[in-house]
Amino acid sequence: MRIHLGFLIKVSPIGVNQLLFAQLSERELHDIVELMYSHLEEYYQNMGGLVRD
């Protein structure tokens, strides 16, 4: 089973090992999502930016 973290803007879904994902704390998951948004913002900065919900 793959967990998709909701990034649908010109990127492929990210497959995550279910056993490792289950061991992540809420803080670790939050940090991962923030890092991913940071990378997406950098990628899209020259195309008008990334809109966050």
Protein backbone atom coordinates (compact mmCIF):
# COMPACT_ATOMS: atom_id res chain seq x y z
CA MET A 1 0.00 0.00 0.00
CA ARG A 2 1.28 3.46 -0.84
CA ILE A 3 0.54 6.60 1.09
CA HIS A 4 0.24 9.71 -1.10
CA LEU A 5 0.88 12.98 0.64
CA GLY A 6 -1.39 15.12 -1.51
CA PHE A 7 1.05 16.78 -3.90
CA LEU A 8 -0.71 16.96 -7.25
CA ILE A 9 1.08 19.83 -8.96
CA LYS A 10 3.20 18.37 -11.79
CA VAL A 11 4.89 15.89 -9.48
CA SER A 12 4.49 12.19 -9.12
CA PRO A 13 2.97 10.68 -5.98
CA ILE A 14 5.55 9.56 -3.48
CA GLY A 15 5.50 5.93 -2.41
CA VAL A 16 6.20 5.51 1.29
CA ASN A 17 7.14 2.30 3.05
CA GLN A 18 4.07 1.50 5.18
CA LEU A 19 6.13 0.18 8.12
CA LEU A 20 8.33 3.26 8.23
CA PHE A 21 5.37 5.59 7.77
CA ALA A 22 3.59 4.02 10.74
CA GLN A 23 6.61 4.78 12.93
CA LEU A 24 6.68 8.51 12.15
CA SER A 25 5.60 10.83 14.91
CA GLU A 26 3.17 13.67 14.17
CA ARG A 27 6.09 16.11 14.42
CA GLU A 28 8.22 14.12 11.96
CA LEU A 29 5.34 13.92 9.48
CA HIS A 30 4.73 17.66 9.84
CA ASP A 31 8.44 18.37 9.23
CA ILE A 32 8.44 16.19 6.10
CA VAL A 33 5.37 17.93 4.69
CA GLU A 34 6.88 21.36 5.42
CA LEU A 35 10.12 20.36 3.67
CA MET A 36 8.17 19.14 0.65
CA TYR A 37 6.21 22.41 0.46
CA SER A 38 9.46 24.34 0.75
CA HIS A 39 10.90 22.44 -2.21
CA LEU A 40 7.70 22.95 -4.23
CA GLU A 41 7.71 26.69 -3.48
CA GLU A 42 11.31 26.90 -4.69
CA TYR A 43 10.45 24.94 -7.84
CA TYR A 44 7.44 27.15 -8.68
CA GLN A 45 8.88 30.52 -7.64
CA ASN A 46 9.48 31.59 -11.25
CA MET A 47 6.03 30.46 -12.39
CA GLY A 48 3.92 32.69 -10.17
CA GLY A 49 4.44 30.80 -6.95
CA LEU A 50 2.68 27.98 -5.16
CA VAL A 51 -0.69 28.54 -3.53
CA ARG A 52 -1.00 26.87 -0.13
CA ASP A 53 -4.33 25.81 1.32
